[in-house]
Amino acid sequence: MSGEQVSTELLRGFSPLDGLKRDNLAALARKVQVRELTPGQLLFKEGDTEKRTIYIVSGVLELLSGGKLAGKVEGGSEVARQPIAPVYPRRVTAKARDRVRFISIDSDLLDVMLTWDQTGTYEVSELQGKSDQGNEDWMTMLLQTKAFHKIPPANIQAIFMRMQQINYRSGDVILKQGAEGDYFYVLIRGSALVTRETPLSKEGIKLAELHVGDTFGEEALISDAKRNATVTMQTDGAVMRLGKEDFKKLLNEPMLEWVSRSQAQDIIRQGGQWLDVRLPSEFENQHLDGSINIPLYFIRLKISTLDPDKKYIVCCDTGRRSSAGAYILSERGYQAYVLQGGINAEGA
């Protein structure tokens, strides 16, 4: 399937996209491409559950039920203004009769944008007036993350409105390892380096590079612990920050999914994976059978080694560090749960 960028004019021809405010529609247009099907190619099958909102731009799409023709959608028609077979699981199979061009949007992202657009009193452009990040749409980057799909729309608006912009110069330290956690940060301009000091490396070992739209600082807020790394600006730039109490109330609590030991074991039996975020020495001393160990401070560095299609039960001794680890995984689209009480809980 080929892909080409879409215009706001094209998106405005579909419902309910035509109800989005101008700047929100433009932000969505930057995330969507027109794709193509060849004659006879399937777009989706009856029973499919992938949450994608699909519109036909041109060509004829046949809708089949039980192998028989149940309808068709022709690009440019009134029917084509609406999403194709929007009920999940899909009740029909969609097959291209000829060359079909279409657009496909993550349904959760669209729902978040539509709800926030319609319940909020501020447009993206007005909120962006609080910062000077230029053309870098950091808020849209946040909105399209899986994390924000779990947050009530009213909370999303409150998060953006309570954030404060802070400007930095190259070399400035935003947060220091060992300090108390007080803010959650989003990088909106420039780049930054995450390092961790060790007994063998006072300069700090590199854990990650941060770019526009990346978030940091949440681990210490969730676990009520001290900062486990230092973040230093590599260039001139700016962040938006959210205070600890606002973060916990508006962002953290709606995202975490806690499970009991029995619920966790059910998930494991169905193919899930224990993920222990304690230190290697703690893990070696005691751990759950079949678990893997990635220390909390290495989660960002090692996250790409995890399977995005697998469910993870994040655990530690009490649940404090694992809640921070589960937040980071959820924020990046992984299916993560926190073991209630940790592995040391009574009956565990």
C-alpha atoms as a PDB file:
ATOM      1  CA  MET A   1       0.000   0.000   0.000  1.00  0.00           C
ATOM      2  CA  SER A   2       1.431   3.359  -0.982  1.00  0.00           C
ATOM      3  CA  GLY A   3       1.028   6.409   1.220  1.00  0.00           C
ATOM      4  CA  GLU A   4       0.632  10.124   0.584  1.00  0.00           C
ATOM      5  CA  GLN A   5      -0.022  12.990   2.972  1.00  0.00           C
ATOM      6  CA  VAL A   6      -3.596  14.274   3.187  1.00  0.00           C
ATOM      7  CA  SER A   7      -4.923  17.815   3.260  1.00  0.00           C
ATOM      8  CA  THR A   8      -7.326  19.325   5.774  1.00  0.00           C
ATOM      9  CA  GLU A   9      -9.737  19.917   2.873  1.00  0.00           C
ATOM     10  CA  LEU A  10      -9.870  16.169   2.197  1.00  0.00           C
ATOM     11  CA  LEU A  11     -10.441  15.325   5.873  1.00  0.00           C
ATOM     12  CA  ARG A  12     -13.165  17.955   6.143  1.00  0.00           C
ATOM     13  CA  GLY A  13     -15.166  15.941   3.612  1.00  0.00           C
ATOM     14  CA  PHE A  14     -15.687  13.150   6.154  1.00  0.00           C
ATOM     15  CA  SER A  15     -17.889  12.923   9.225  1.00  0.00           C
ATOM     16  CA  PRO A  16     -17.304  13.578  12.100  1.00  0.00           C
ATOM     17  CA  LEU A  17     -13.909  15.011  11.076  1.00  0.00           C
ATOM     18  CA  ASP A  18     -15.721  18.028   9.649  1.00  0.00           C
ATOM     19  CA  GLY A  19     -16.595  18.960  13.244  1.00  0.00           C
ATOM     20  CA  LEU A  20     -12.979  19.350  14.383  1.00  0.00           C
ATOM     21  CA  LYS A  21     -11.633  22.846  14.954  1.00  0.00           C
ATOM     22  CA  ARG A  22      -9.235  24.076  12.277  1.00  0.00           C
ATOM     23  CA  ASP A  23      -5.940  23.572  14.112  1.00  0.00           C
ATOM     24  CA  ASN A  24      -6.938  20.202  15.518  1.00  0.00           C
ATOM     25  CA  LEU A  25      -7.865  19.041  12.008  1.00  0.00           C
ATOM     26  CA  ALA A  26      -4.497  20.266  10.703  1.00  0.00           C
ATOM     27  CA  ALA A  27      -2.722  18.359  13.485  1.00  0.00           C
ATOM     28  CA  LEU A  28      -4.619  15.199  12.559  1.00  0.00           C
ATOM     29  CA  ALA A  29      -3.829  15.674   8.855  1.00  0.00           C
ATOM     30  CA  ARG A  30      -0.115  15.521   9.645  1.00  0.00           C
ATOM     31  CA  LYS A  31      -0.588  12.035  11.134  1.00  0.00           C
ATOM     32  CA  VAL A  32      -2.686  10.484   8.332  1.00  0.00           C
ATOM     33  CA  GLN A  33      -1.826   9.179   4.866  1.00  0.00           C
ATOM     34  CA  VAL A  34      -3.871   8.139   1.833  1.00  0.00           C
ATOM     35  CA  ARG A  35      -3.271   4.461   1.125  1.00  0.00           C
ATOM     36  CA  GLU A  36      -4.193   2.283  -1.834  1.00  0.00           C
ATOM     37  CA  LEU A  37      -5.726  -1.152  -2.468  1.00  0.00           C
ATOM     38  CA  THR A  38      -5.412  -3.093  -5.711  1.00  0.00           C
ATOM     39  CA  PRO A  39      -8.492  -4.795  -7.241  1.00  0.00           C
ATOM     40  CA  GLY A  40      -9.483  -7.842  -5.201  1.00  0.00           C
ATOM     41  CA  GLN A  41      -7.367  -6.875  -2.186  1.00  0.00           C
ATOM     42  CA  LEU A  42      -9.034  -7.073   1.259  1.00  0.00           C
ATOM     43  CA  LEU A  43      -9.177  -4.039   3.517  1.00  0.00           C
ATOM     44  CA  PHE A  44     -10.415  -6.010   6.528  1.00  0.00           C
ATOM     45  CA  LYS A  45     -12.189  -9.295   7.244  1.00  0.00           C
ATOM     46  CA  GLU A  46     -15.454 -10.081   8.988  1.00  0.00           C
ATOM     47  CA  GLY A  47     -14.673 -10.487  12.692  1.00  0.00           C
ATOM     48  CA  ASP A  48     -11.638  -8.166  12.697  1.00  0.00           C
ATOM     49  CA  THR A  49     -11.275  -6.159  15.922  1.00  0.00           C
ATOM     50  CA  GLU A  50      -8.472  -3.716  15.089  1.00  0.00           C
ATOM     51  CA  LYS A  51      -9.712  -0.273  16.078  1.00  0.00           C
ATOM     52  CA  ARG A  52      -9.204   1.756  12.909  1.00  0.00           C
ATOM     53  CA  THR A  53     -11.618   4.358  11.544  1.00  0.00           C
ATOM     54  CA  ILE A  54     -11.584   4.026   7.750  1.00  0.00           C
ATOM     55  CA  TYR A  55     -12.868   6.342   5.001  1.00  0.00           C
ATOM     56  CA  ILE A  56     -12.948   5.671   1.230  1.00  0.00           C
ATOM     57  CA  VAL A  57     -11.431   8.481  -0.837  1.00  0.00           C
ATOM     58  CA  SER A  58     -11.960   6.996  -4.313  1.00  0.00           C
ATOM     59  CA  GLY A  59     -12.826   3.704  -6.001  1.00  0.00           C
ATOM     60  CA  VAL A  60     -15.453   1.107  -5.089  1.00  0.00           C
ATOM     61  CA  LEU A  61     -15.269  -1.051  -1.961  1.00  0.00           C
ATOM     62  CA  GLU A  62     -17.476  -4.157  -1.779  1.00  0.00           C
ATOM     63  CA  LEU A  63     -18.904  -5.255   1.569  1.00  0.00           C
ATOM     64  CA  LEU A  64     -19.369  -9.024   1.850  1.00  0.00           C
ATOM     65  CA  SER A  65     -21.306 -10.999   4.463  1.00  0.00           C
ATOM     66  CA  GLY A  66     -20.937 -14.777   4.473  1.00  0.00           C
ATOM     67  CA  GLY A  67     -19.195 -14.507   1.115  1.00  0.00           C
ATOM     68  CA  LYS A  68     -22.154 -12.703  -0.507  1.00  0.00           C
ATOM     69  CA  LEU A  69     -22.327  -9.075  -1.596  1.00  0.00           C
ATOM     70  CA  ALA A  70     -24.123  -7.056   1.097  1.00  0.00           C
ATOM     71  CA  GLY A  71     -23.361  -3.549  -0.149  1.00  0.00           C
ATOM     72  CA  LYS A  72     -20.780  -1.253  -1.630  1.00  0.00           C
ATOM     73  CA  VAL A  73     -19.188   2.110  -0.901  1.00  0.00           C
ATOM     74  CA  GLU A  74     -18.065   4.412  -3.706  1.00  0.00           C
ATOM     75  CA  GLY A  75     -15.589   7.181  -3.048  1.00  0.00           C
ATOM     76  CA  GLY A  76     -17.159  10.650  -3.241  1.00  0.00           C
ATOM     77  CA  SER A  77     -20.662   9.402  -2.439  1.00  0.00           C
ATOM     78  CA  GLU A  78     -22.723  10.471   0.566  1.00  0.00           C
ATOM     79  CA  VAL A  79     -22.238   7.017   2.120  1.00  0.00           C
ATOM     80  CA  ALA A  80     -18.454   7.423   1.818  1.00  0.00           C
ATOM     81  CA  ARG A  81     -18.609  10.468   4.097  1.00  0.00           C
ATOM     82  CA  GLN A  82     -19.174   8.086   7.021  1.00  0.00           C
ATOM     83  CA  PRO A  83     -16.683   5.566   8.493  1.00  0.00           C
ATOM     84  CA  ILE A  84     -16.794   2.114   6.878  1.00  0.00           C
ATOM     85  CA  ALA A  85     -18.313  -0.655   9.067  1.00  0.00           C
ATOM     86  CA  PRO A  86     -17.550   1.144  12.339  1.00  0.00           C
ATOM     87  CA  VAL A  87     -18.817  -1.632  14.653  1.00  0.00           C
ATOM     88  CA  TYR A  88     -16.279  -4.011  16.252  1.00  0.00           C
ATOM     89  CA  PRO A  89     -15.811  -6.832  15.584  1.00  0.00           C
ATOM     90  CA  ARG A  90     -16.393  -6.053  11.895  1.00  0.00           C
ATOM     91  CA  ARG A  91     -19.648  -7.544  10.628  1.00  0.00           C
ATOM     92  CA  VAL A  92     -18.547  -7.646   6.990  1.00  0.00           C
ATOM     93  CA  THR A  93     -15.490  -8.271   4.844  1.00  0.00           C
ATOM     94  CA  ALA A  94     -14.332  -5.309   2.735  1.00  0.00           C
ATOM     95  CA  LYS A  95     -12.777  -5.999  -0.683  1.00  0.00           C
ATOM     96  CA  ALA A  96     -11.635  -3.589  -3.383  1.00  0.00           C
ATOM     97  CA  ARG A  97     -13.610  -3.898  -6.631  1.00  0.00           C
ATOM     98  CA  ASP A  98     -11.124  -1.672  -8.429  1.00  0.00           C
ATOM     99  CA  ARG A  99      -8.283   0.649  -7.391  1.00  0.00           C
ATOM    100  CA  VAL A 100      -9.376   1.998  -4.002  1.00  0.00           C
ATOM    101  CA  ARG A 101      -7.773   4.889  -2.133  1.00  0.00           C
ATOM    102  CA  PHE A 102      -8.571   5.199   1.571  1.00  0.00           C
ATOM    103  CA  ILE A 103      -7.456   6.748   4.870  1.00  0.00           C
ATOM    104  CA  SER A 104      -7.191   4.880   8.163  1.00  0.00           C
ATOM    105  CA  ILE A 105      -7.076   6.581  11.595  1.00  0.00           C
ATOM    106  CA  ASP A 106      -6.459   5.066  15.019  1.00  0.00           C
ATOM    107  CA  SER A 107      -9.981   5.062  16.498  1.00  0.00           C
ATOM    108  CA  ASP A 108      -8.837   5.719  20.061  1.00  0.00           C
ATOM    109  CA  LEU A 109      -6.755   8.705  18.956  1.00  0.00           C
ATOM    110  CA  LEU A 110      -9.675  10.092  16.971  1.00  0.00           C
ATOM    111  CA  ASP A 111     -12.030   9.626  19.901  1.00  0.00           C
ATOM    112  CA  VAL A 112      -9.659  11.434  22.266  1.00  0.00           C
ATOM    113  CA  MET A 113      -9.227  14.330  19.824  1.00  0.00           C
ATOM    114  CA  LEU A 114     -12.956  14.627  19.099  1.00  0.00           C
ATOM    115  CA  THR A 115     -13.929  14.512  22.767  1.00  0.00           C
ATOM    116  CA  TRP A 116     -11.255  16.949  23.878  1.00  0.00           C
ATOM    117  CA  ASP A 117     -12.067  19.222  20.942  1.00  0.00           C
ATOM    118  CA  GLN A 118     -15.750  19.280  21.850  1.00  0.00           C
ATOM    119  CA  THR A 119     -15.500  19.453  25.639  1.00  0.00           C
ATOM    120  CA  GLY A 120     -12.556  21.820  25.947  1.00  0.00           C
ATOM    121  CA  THR A 121     -12.871  25.580  25.839  1.00  0.00           C
ATOM    122  CA  TYR A 122      -9.445  26.045  24.269  1.00  0.00           C
ATOM    123  CA  GLU A 123      -8.208  25.123  20.824  1.00  0.00           C
ATOM    124  CA  VAL A 124      -4.780  23.592  20.361  1.00  0.00           C
ATOM    125  CA  SER A 125      -3.536  26.855  18.874  1.00  0.00           C
ATOM    126  CA  GLU A 126      -4.677  28.824  21.921  1.00  0.00           C
ATOM    127  CA  LEU A 127      -3.016  26.401  24.307  1.00  0.00           C
ATOM    128  CA  GLN A 128       0.142  26.545  22.238  1.00  0.00           C
ATOM    129  CA  GLY A 129       0.174  30.280  22.804  1.00  0.00           C
ATOM    130  CA  LYS A 130       1.531  29.462  26.257  1.00  0.00           C
ATOM    131  CA  SER A 131       4.778  28.260  24.685  1.00  0.00           C
ATOM    132  CA  ASP A 132       7.172  29.285  21.921  1.00  0.00           C
ATOM    133  CA  GLN A 133       7.943  25.896  20.440  1.00  0.00           C
ATOM    134  CA  GLY A 134       7.236  27.103  16.911  1.00  0.00           C
ATOM    135  CA  ASN A 135       5.942  24.447  14.564  1.00  0.00           C
ATOM    136  CA  GLU A 136       6.660  21.467  16.836  1.00  0.00           C
ATOM    137  CA  ASP A 137       3.273  20.201  17.916  1.00  0.00           C
ATOM    138  CA  TRP A 138       4.232  18.567  21.204  1.00  0.00           C
ATOM    139  CA  MET A 139       0.646  18.454  22.432  1.00  0.00           C
ATOM    140  CA  THR A 140      -0.526  16.464  19.432  1.00  0.00           C
ATOM    141  CA  MET A 141       2.420  14.109  20.012  1.00  0.00           C
ATOM    142  CA  LEU A 142       1.160  13.529  23.556  1.00  0.00           C
ATOM    143  CA  LEU A 143      -2.455  13.133  22.464  1.00  0.00           C
ATOM    144  CA  GLN A 144      -1.574  10.396  19.994  1.00  0.00           C
ATOM    145  CA  THR A 145       0.252   8.285  22.590  1.00  0.00           C
ATOM    146  CA  LYS A 146      -1.660   5.292  23.952  1.00  0.00           C
ATOM    147  CA  ALA A 147      -1.248   6.735  27.434  1.00  0.00           C
ATOM    148  CA  PHE A 148      -3.614   9.611  26.760  1.00  0.00           C
ATOM    149  CA  HIS A 149      -6.309   7.244  25.470  1.00  0.00           C
ATOM    150  CA  LYS A 150      -6.777   6.109  29.087  1.00  0.00           C
ATOM    151  CA  ILE A 151      -7.127   9.589  30.568  1.00  0.00           C
ATOM    152  CA  PRO A 152     -10.538  11.294  30.931  1.00  0.00           C
ATOM    153  CA  PRO A 153     -10.837  14.157  28.403  1.00  0.00           C
ATOM    154  CA  ALA A 154     -11.510  16.702  31.146  1.00  0.00           C
ATOM    155  CA  ASN A 155      -8.225  15.673  32.757  1.00  0.00           C
ATOM    156  CA  ILE A 156      -6.356  16.181  29.481  1.00  0.00           C
ATOM    157  CA  GLN A 157      -7.520  19.769  29.253  1.00  0.00           C
ATOM    158  CA  ALA A 158      -6.603  20.388  32.890  1.00  0.00           C
ATOM    159  CA  ILE A 159      -3.141  18.881  32.338  1.00  0.00           C
ATOM    160  CA  PHE A 160      -2.360  21.249  29.470  1.00  0.00           C
ATOM    161  CA  MET A 161      -3.753  24.282  31.271  1.00  0.00           C
ATOM    162  CA  ARG A 162      -1.754  23.643  34.458  1.00  0.00           C
ATOM    163  CA  MET A 163       1.555  23.079  32.721  1.00  0.00           C
ATOM    164  CA  GLN A 164       4.232  25.757  33.023  1.00  0.00           C
ATOM    165  CA  GLN A 165       6.931  26.486  30.444  1.00  0.00           C
ATOM    166  CA  ILE A 166      10.596  26.665  31.494  1.00  0.00           C
ATOM    167  CA  ASN A 167      13.387  27.656  29.070  1.00  0.00           C
ATOM    168  CA  TYR A 168      16.906  26.187  29.290  1.00  0.00           C
ATOM    169  CA  ARG A 169      20.329  26.706  27.755  1.00  0.00           C
ATOM    170  CA  SER A 170      22.595  23.976  26.414  1.00  0.00           C
ATOM    171  CA  GLY A 171      24.315  22.283  29.359  1.00  0.00           C
ATOM    172  CA  ASP A 172      21.651  23.229  31.914  1.00  0.00           C
ATOM    173  CA  VAL A 173      20.592  20.444  34.288  1.00  0.00           C
ATOM    174  CA  ILE A 174      16.797  20.049  34.362  1.00  0.00           C
ATOM    175  CA  LEU A 175      16.739  17.462  37.132  1.00  0.00           C
ATOM    176  CA  LYS A 176      19.531  15.934  39.202  1.00  0.00           C
ATOM    177  CA  GLN A 177      20.003  12.334  40.314  1.00  0.00           C
ATOM    178  CA  GLY A 178      19.298  12.032  44.033  1.00  0.00           C
ATOM    179  CA  ALA A 179      17.027  15.090  44.239  1.00  0.00           C
ATOM    180  CA  GLU A 180      13.411  14.943  45.382  1.00  0.00           C
ATOM    181  CA  GLY A 181      10.801  14.512  42.639  1.00  0.00           C
ATOM    182  CA  ASP A 182       8.577  17.545  42.229  1.00  0.00           C
ATOM    183  CA  TYR A 183       7.585  17.820  38.548  1.00  0.00           C
ATOM    184  CA  PHE A 184       6.653  15.768  35.466  1.00  0.00           C
ATOM    185  CA  TYR A 185       8.255  17.131  32.266  1.00  0.00           C
ATOM    186  CA  VAL A 186       7.556  17.201  28.521  1.00  0.00           C
ATOM    187  CA  LEU A 187      10.356  18.334  26.216  1.00  0.00           C
ATOM    188  CA  ILE A 188       8.875  20.826  23.726  1.00  0.00           C
ATOM    189  CA  ARG A 189      12.042  22.247  22.135  1.00  0.00           C
ATOM    190  CA  GLY A 190      15.612  21.011  21.762  1.00  0.00           C
ATOM    191  CA  SER A 191      17.149  17.726  22.930  1.00  0.00           C
ATOM    192  CA  ALA A 192      18.367  16.372  26.266  1.00  0.00           C
ATOM    193  CA  LEU A 193      20.519  13.545  27.628  1.00  0.00           C
ATOM    194  CA  VAL A 194      19.577  11.140  30.454  1.00  0.00           C
ATOM    195  CA  THR A 195      22.546   9.868  32.486  1.00  0.00           C
ATOM    196  CA  ARG A 196      22.966   7.850  35.688  1.00  0.00           C
ATOM    197  CA  GLU A 197      25.973   8.189  37.975  1.00  0.00           C
ATOM    198  CA  THR A 198      27.479   4.920  39.233  1.00  0.00           C
ATOM    199  CA  PRO A 199      30.415   4.131  41.513  1.00  0.00           C
ATOM    200  CA  LEU A 200      32.467   3.352  38.403  1.00  0.00           C
ATOM    201  CA  SER A 201      31.292   6.357  36.391  1.00  0.00           C
ATOM    202  CA  LYS A 202      30.988   9.701  38.144  1.00  0.00           C
ATOM    203  CA  GLU A 203      30.344  11.390  34.789  1.00  0.00           C
ATOM    204  CA  GLY A 204      27.328   9.149  34.377  1.00  0.00           C
ATOM    205  CA  ILE A 205      26.426   6.403  31.922  1.00  0.00           C
ATOM    206  CA  LYS A 206      24.131   7.376  29.087  1.00  0.00           C
ATOM    207  CA  LEU A 207      20.626   5.927  29.429  1.00  0.00           C
ATOM    208  CA  ALA A 208      18.684   7.761  26.722  1.00  0.00           C
ATOM    209  CA  GLU A 209      18.367  10.800  24.486  1.00  0.00           C
ATOM    210  CA  LEU A 210      15.191  12.856  24.709  1.00  0.00           C
ATOM    211  CA  HIS A 211      13.570  14.739  21.843  1.00  0.00           C
ATOM    212  CA  VAL A 212      10.483  16.902  21.316  1.00  0.00           C
ATOM    213  CA  GLY A 213       7.407  15.197  22.728  1.00  0.00           C
ATOM    214  CA  ASP A 214       9.354  12.899  25.078  1.00  0.00           C
ATOM    215  CA  THR A 215       8.373  12.857  28.756  1.00  0.00           C
ATOM    216  CA  PHE A 216      10.483  12.292  31.863  1.00  0.00           C
ATOM    217  CA  GLY A 217      10.531  12.679  35.634  1.00  0.00           C
ATOM    218  CA  GLU A 218       7.505  10.479  36.334  1.00  0.00           C
ATOM    219  CA  GLU A 219       9.332   7.613  38.094  1.00  0.00           C
ATOM    220  CA  ALA A 220      10.165   9.628  41.218  1.00  0.00           C
ATOM    221  CA  LEU A 221       6.657  11.107  41.387  1.00  0.00           C
ATOM    222  CA  ILE A 222       4.910   7.738  41.217  1.00  0.00           C
ATOM    223  CA  SER A 223       7.205   5.869  43.601  1.00  0.00           C
ATOM    224  CA  ASP A 224       7.789   8.818  46.006  1.00  0.00           C
ATOM    225  CA  ALA A 225      11.501   8.178  45.592  1.00  0.00           C
ATOM    226  CA  LYS A 226      14.447  10.394  44.731  1.00  0.00           C
ATOM    227  CA  ARG A 227      15.414  11.053  41.109  1.00  0.00           C
ATOM    228  CA  ASN A 228      17.231   8.013  39.698  1.00  0.00           C
ATOM    229  CA  ALA A 229      18.952   9.859  36.837  1.00  0.00           C
ATOM    230  CA  THR A 230      20.134  13.278  35.683  1.00  0.00           C
ATOM    231  CA  VAL A 231      18.646  15.048  32.657  1.00  0.00           C
ATOM    232  CA  THR A 232      20.826  17.661  30.933  1.00  0.00           C
ATOM    233  CA  MET A 233      20.010  19.826  27.921  1.00  0.00           C
ATOM    234  CA  GLN A 234      22.157  19.057  24.874  1.00  0.00           C
ATOM    235  CA  THR A 235      20.922  22.186  23.079  1.00  0.00           C
ATOM    236  CA  ASP A 236      19.016  25.327  23.951  1.00  0.00           C
ATOM    237  CA  GLY A 237      15.396  24.327  24.516  1.00  0.00           C
ATOM    238  CA  ALA A 238      12.304  24.334  26.684  1.00  0.00           C
ATOM    239  CA  VAL A 239      10.073  22.034  28.702  1.00  0.00           C
ATOM    240  CA  MET A 240       6.528  22.109  29.968  1.00  0.00           C
ATOM    241  CA  ARG A 241       6.232  20.873  33.545  1.00  0.00           C
ATOM    242  CA  LEU A 242       3.355  19.661  35.706  1.00  0.00           C
ATOM    243  CA  GLY A 243       3.457  19.675  39.511  1.00  0.00           C
ATOM    244  CA  LYS A 244       3.567  16.431  41.502  1.00  0.00           C
ATOM    245  CA  GLU A 245       0.029  16.556  42.914  1.00  0.00           C
ATOM    246  CA  ASP A 246      -1.531  17.515  39.577  1.00  0.00           C
ATOM    247  CA  PHE A 247       0.430  14.723  37.894  1.00  0.00           C
ATOM    248  CA  LYS A 248      -0.759  12.085  40.359  1.00  0.00           C
ATOM    249  CA  LYS A 249      -4.389  13.167  40.238  1.00  0.00           C
ATOM    250  CA  LEU A 250      -4.767  13.907  36.525  1.00  0.00           C
ATOM    251  CA  LEU A 251      -2.270  11.699  34.714  1.00  0.00           C
ATOM    252  CA  ASN A 252      -0.970   8.834  36.804  1.00  0.00           C
ATOM    253  CA  GLU A 253      -4.030   7.418  38.561  1.00  0.00           C
ATOM    254  CA  PRO A 254      -6.272   6.931  35.478  1.00  0.00           C
ATOM    255  CA  MET A 255      -3.502   5.027  33.650  1.00  0.00           C
ATOM    256  CA  LEU A 256      -2.426   2.379  36.142  1.00  0.00           C
ATOM    257  CA  GLU A 257      -4.182  -0.987  36.104  1.00  0.00           C
ATOM    258  CA  TRP A 258      -3.684  -2.965  39.321  1.00  0.00           C
ATOM    259  CA  VAL A 259      -4.261  -6.721  39.443  1.00  0.00           C
ATOM    260  CA  SER A 260      -4.427  -9.234  42.280  1.00  0.00           C
ATOM    261  CA  ARG A 261      -2.130 -12.251  42.396  1.00  0.00           C
ATOM    262  CA  SER A 262      -4.859 -14.532  41.021  1.00  0.00           C
ATOM    263  CA  GLN A 263      -5.725 -12.082  38.220  1.00  0.00           C
ATOM    264  CA  ALA A 264      -2.034 -11.813  37.350  1.00  0.00           C
ATOM    265  CA  GLN A 265      -1.671 -15.589  37.219  1.00  0.00           C
ATOM    266  CA  ASP A 266      -4.628 -15.797  34.823  1.00  0.00           C
ATOM    267  CA  ILE A 267      -2.883 -13.311  32.524  1.00  0.00           C
ATOM    268  CA  ILE A 268       0.369 -15.301  32.762  1.00  0.00           C
ATOM    269  CA  ARG A 269      -1.440 -18.525  31.853  1.00  0.00           C
ATOM    270  CA  GLN A 270      -2.802 -16.791  28.761  1.00  0.00           C
ATOM    271  CA  GLY A 271       0.681 -15.856  27.549  1.00  0.00           C
ATOM    272  CA  GLY A 272       1.542 -12.890  29.753  1.00  0.00           C
ATOM    273  CA  GLN A 273       4.987 -12.198  31.194  1.00  0.00           C
ATOM    274  CA  TRP A 274       6.225 -11.285  34.681  1.00  0.00           C
ATOM    275  CA  LEU A 275       8.511  -8.225  34.517  1.00  0.00           C
ATOM    276  CA  ASP A 276      10.511  -7.587  37.687  1.00  0.00           C
ATOM    277  CA  VAL A 277      11.865  -4.014  37.936  1.00  0.00           C
ATOM    278  CA  ARG A 278      14.000  -4.454  41.061  1.00  0.00           C
ATOM    279  CA  LEU A 279      17.805  -4.394  41.119  1.00  0.00           C
ATOM    280  CA  PRO A 280      19.613  -7.475  39.747  1.00  0.00           C
ATOM    281  CA  SER A 281      20.849  -8.385  43.256  1.00  0.00           C
ATOM    282  CA  GLU A 282      17.265  -8.364  44.590  1.00  0.00           C
ATOM    283  CA  PHE A 283      16.077 -10.383  41.617  1.00  0.00           C
ATOM    284  CA  GLU A 284      18.807 -13.015  42.068  1.00  0.00           C
ATOM    285  CA  ASN A 285      17.944 -13.387  45.732  1.00  0.00           C
ATOM    286  CA  GLN A 286      14.218 -13.944  45.124  1.00  0.00           C
ATOM    287  CA  HIS A 287      11.912 -13.729  42.129  1.00  0.00           C
ATOM    288  CA  LEU A 288       8.794 -15.251  40.632  1.00  0.00           C
ATOM    289  CA  ASP A 289       9.238 -18.241  38.358  1.00  0.00           C
ATOM    290  CA  GLY A 290       9.436 -17.285  34.700  1.00  0.00           C
ATOM    291  CA  SER A 291       9.973 -13.571  35.339  1.00  0.00           C
ATOM    292  CA  ILE A 292      12.454 -11.386  33.486  1.00  0.00           C
ATOM    293  CA  ASN A 293      14.430  -8.588  35.149  1.00  0.00           C
ATOM    294  CA  ILE A 294      14.816  -5.042  33.854  1.00  0.00           C
ATOM    295  CA  PRO A 295      15.721  -2.594  36.666  1.00  0.00           C
ATOM    296  CA  LEU A 296      13.474   0.456  36.784  1.00  0.00           C
ATOM    297  CA  TYR A 297      16.254   2.875  35.845  1.00  0.00           C
ATOM    298  CA  PHE A 298      16.974   0.798  32.694  1.00  0.00           C
ATOM    299  CA  ILE A 299      13.347   0.554  31.507  1.00  0.00           C
ATOM    300  CA  ARG A 300      13.638   3.379  28.957  1.00  0.00           C
ATOM    301  CA  LEU A 301      16.872   1.957  27.554  1.00  0.00           C
ATOM    302  CA  LYS A 302      15.615  -1.639  27.289  1.00  0.00           C
ATOM    303  CA  ILE A 303      11.970  -1.059  26.365  1.00  0.00           C
ATOM    304  CA  SER A 304      12.594  -1.870  22.703  1.00  0.00           C
ATOM    305  CA  THR A 305      13.544  -5.434  23.699  1.00  0.00           C
ATOM    306  CA  LEU A 306      10.002  -6.083  24.969  1.00  0.00           C
ATOM    307  CA  ASP A 307       7.212  -7.571  22.847  1.00  0.00           C
ATOM    308  CA  PRO A 308       4.512  -4.931  22.149  1.00  0.00           C
ATOM    309  CA  ASP A 309       1.937  -7.701  21.642  1.00  0.00           C
ATOM    310  CA  LYS A 310       2.538  -9.328  25.040  1.00  0.00           C
ATOM    311  CA  LYS A 311       0.857  -8.420  28.333  1.00  0.00           C
ATOM    312  CA  TYR A 312       3.283  -7.621  31.155  1.00  0.00           C
ATOM    313  CA  ILE A 313       2.673  -7.956  34.893  1.00  0.00           C
ATOM    314  CA  VAL A 314       5.151  -5.502  36.398  1.00  0.00           C
ATOM    315  CA  CYS A 315       6.294  -6.437  39.894  1.00  0.00           C
ATOM    316  CA  CYS A 316       8.672  -5.449  42.680  1.00  0.00           C
ATOM    317  CA  ASP A 317       8.695  -6.130  46.414  1.00  0.00           C
ATOM    318  CA  THR A 318       5.904  -3.700  47.385  1.00  0.00           C
ATOM    319  CA  GLY A 319       4.291  -2.341  44.215  1.00  0.00           C
ATOM    320  CA  ARG A 320       5.885   1.103  44.407  1.00  0.00           C
ATOM    321  CA  ARG A 321       8.637   0.711  41.823  1.00  0.00           C
ATOM    322  CA  SER A 322       6.494  -1.537  39.653  1.00  0.00           C
ATOM    323  CA  SER A 323       3.806   1.155  39.414  1.00  0.00           C
ATOM    324  CA  ALA A 324       6.439   3.526  38.016  1.00  0.00           C
ATOM    325  CA  GLY A 325       7.583   0.874  35.538  1.00  0.00           C
ATOM    326  CA  ALA A 326       4.023   0.063  34.452  1.00  0.00           C
ATOM    327  CA  TYR A 327       3.339   3.757  33.871  1.00  0.00           C
ATOM    328  CA  ILE A 328       6.337   4.039  31.538  1.00  0.00           C
ATOM    329  CA  LEU A 329       5.264   0.926  29.600  1.00  0.00           C
ATOM    330  CA  SER A 330       1.642   2.109  29.327  1.00  0.00           C
ATOM    331  CA  GLU A 331       2.811   5.537  28.237  1.00  0.00           C
ATOM    332  CA  ARG A 332       4.562   3.909  25.280  1.00  0.00           C
ATOM    333  CA  GLY A 333       1.653   1.713  24.247  1.00  0.00           C
ATOM    334  CA  TYR A 334       2.522  -1.548  26.028  1.00  0.00           C
ATOM    335  CA  GLN A 335      -0.122  -3.576  27.882  1.00  0.00           C
ATOM    336  CA  ALA A 336       1.104  -3.330  31.465  1.00  0.00           C
ATOM    337  CA  TYR A 337      -0.424  -4.224  34.821  1.00  0.00           C
ATOM    338  CA  VAL A 338       0.855  -3.674  38.367  1.00  0.00           C
ATOM    339  CA  LEU A 339       0.913  -6.541  40.866  1.00  0.00           C
ATOM    340  CA  GLN A 340      -1.029  -5.296  43.873  1.00  0.00           C
ATOM    341  CA  GLY A 341       1.091  -5.244  47.018  1.00  0.00           C
ATOM    342  CA  GLY A 342       4.134  -6.628  45.224  1.00  0.00           C
ATOM    343  CA  ILE A 343       5.697 -10.071  45.476  1.00  0.00           C
ATOM    344  CA  ASN A 344       6.126  -9.705  49.249  1.00  0.00           C
ATOM    345  CA  ALA A 345       2.404  -9.265  49.881  1.00  0.00           C
ATOM    346  CA  GLU A 346       0.699 -11.760  52.169  1.00  0.00           C
ATOM    347  CA  GLY A 347      -0.341 -14.833  50.188  1.00  0.00           C
ATOM    348  CA  ALA A 348       1.958 -13.972  47.274  1.00  0.00           C
END
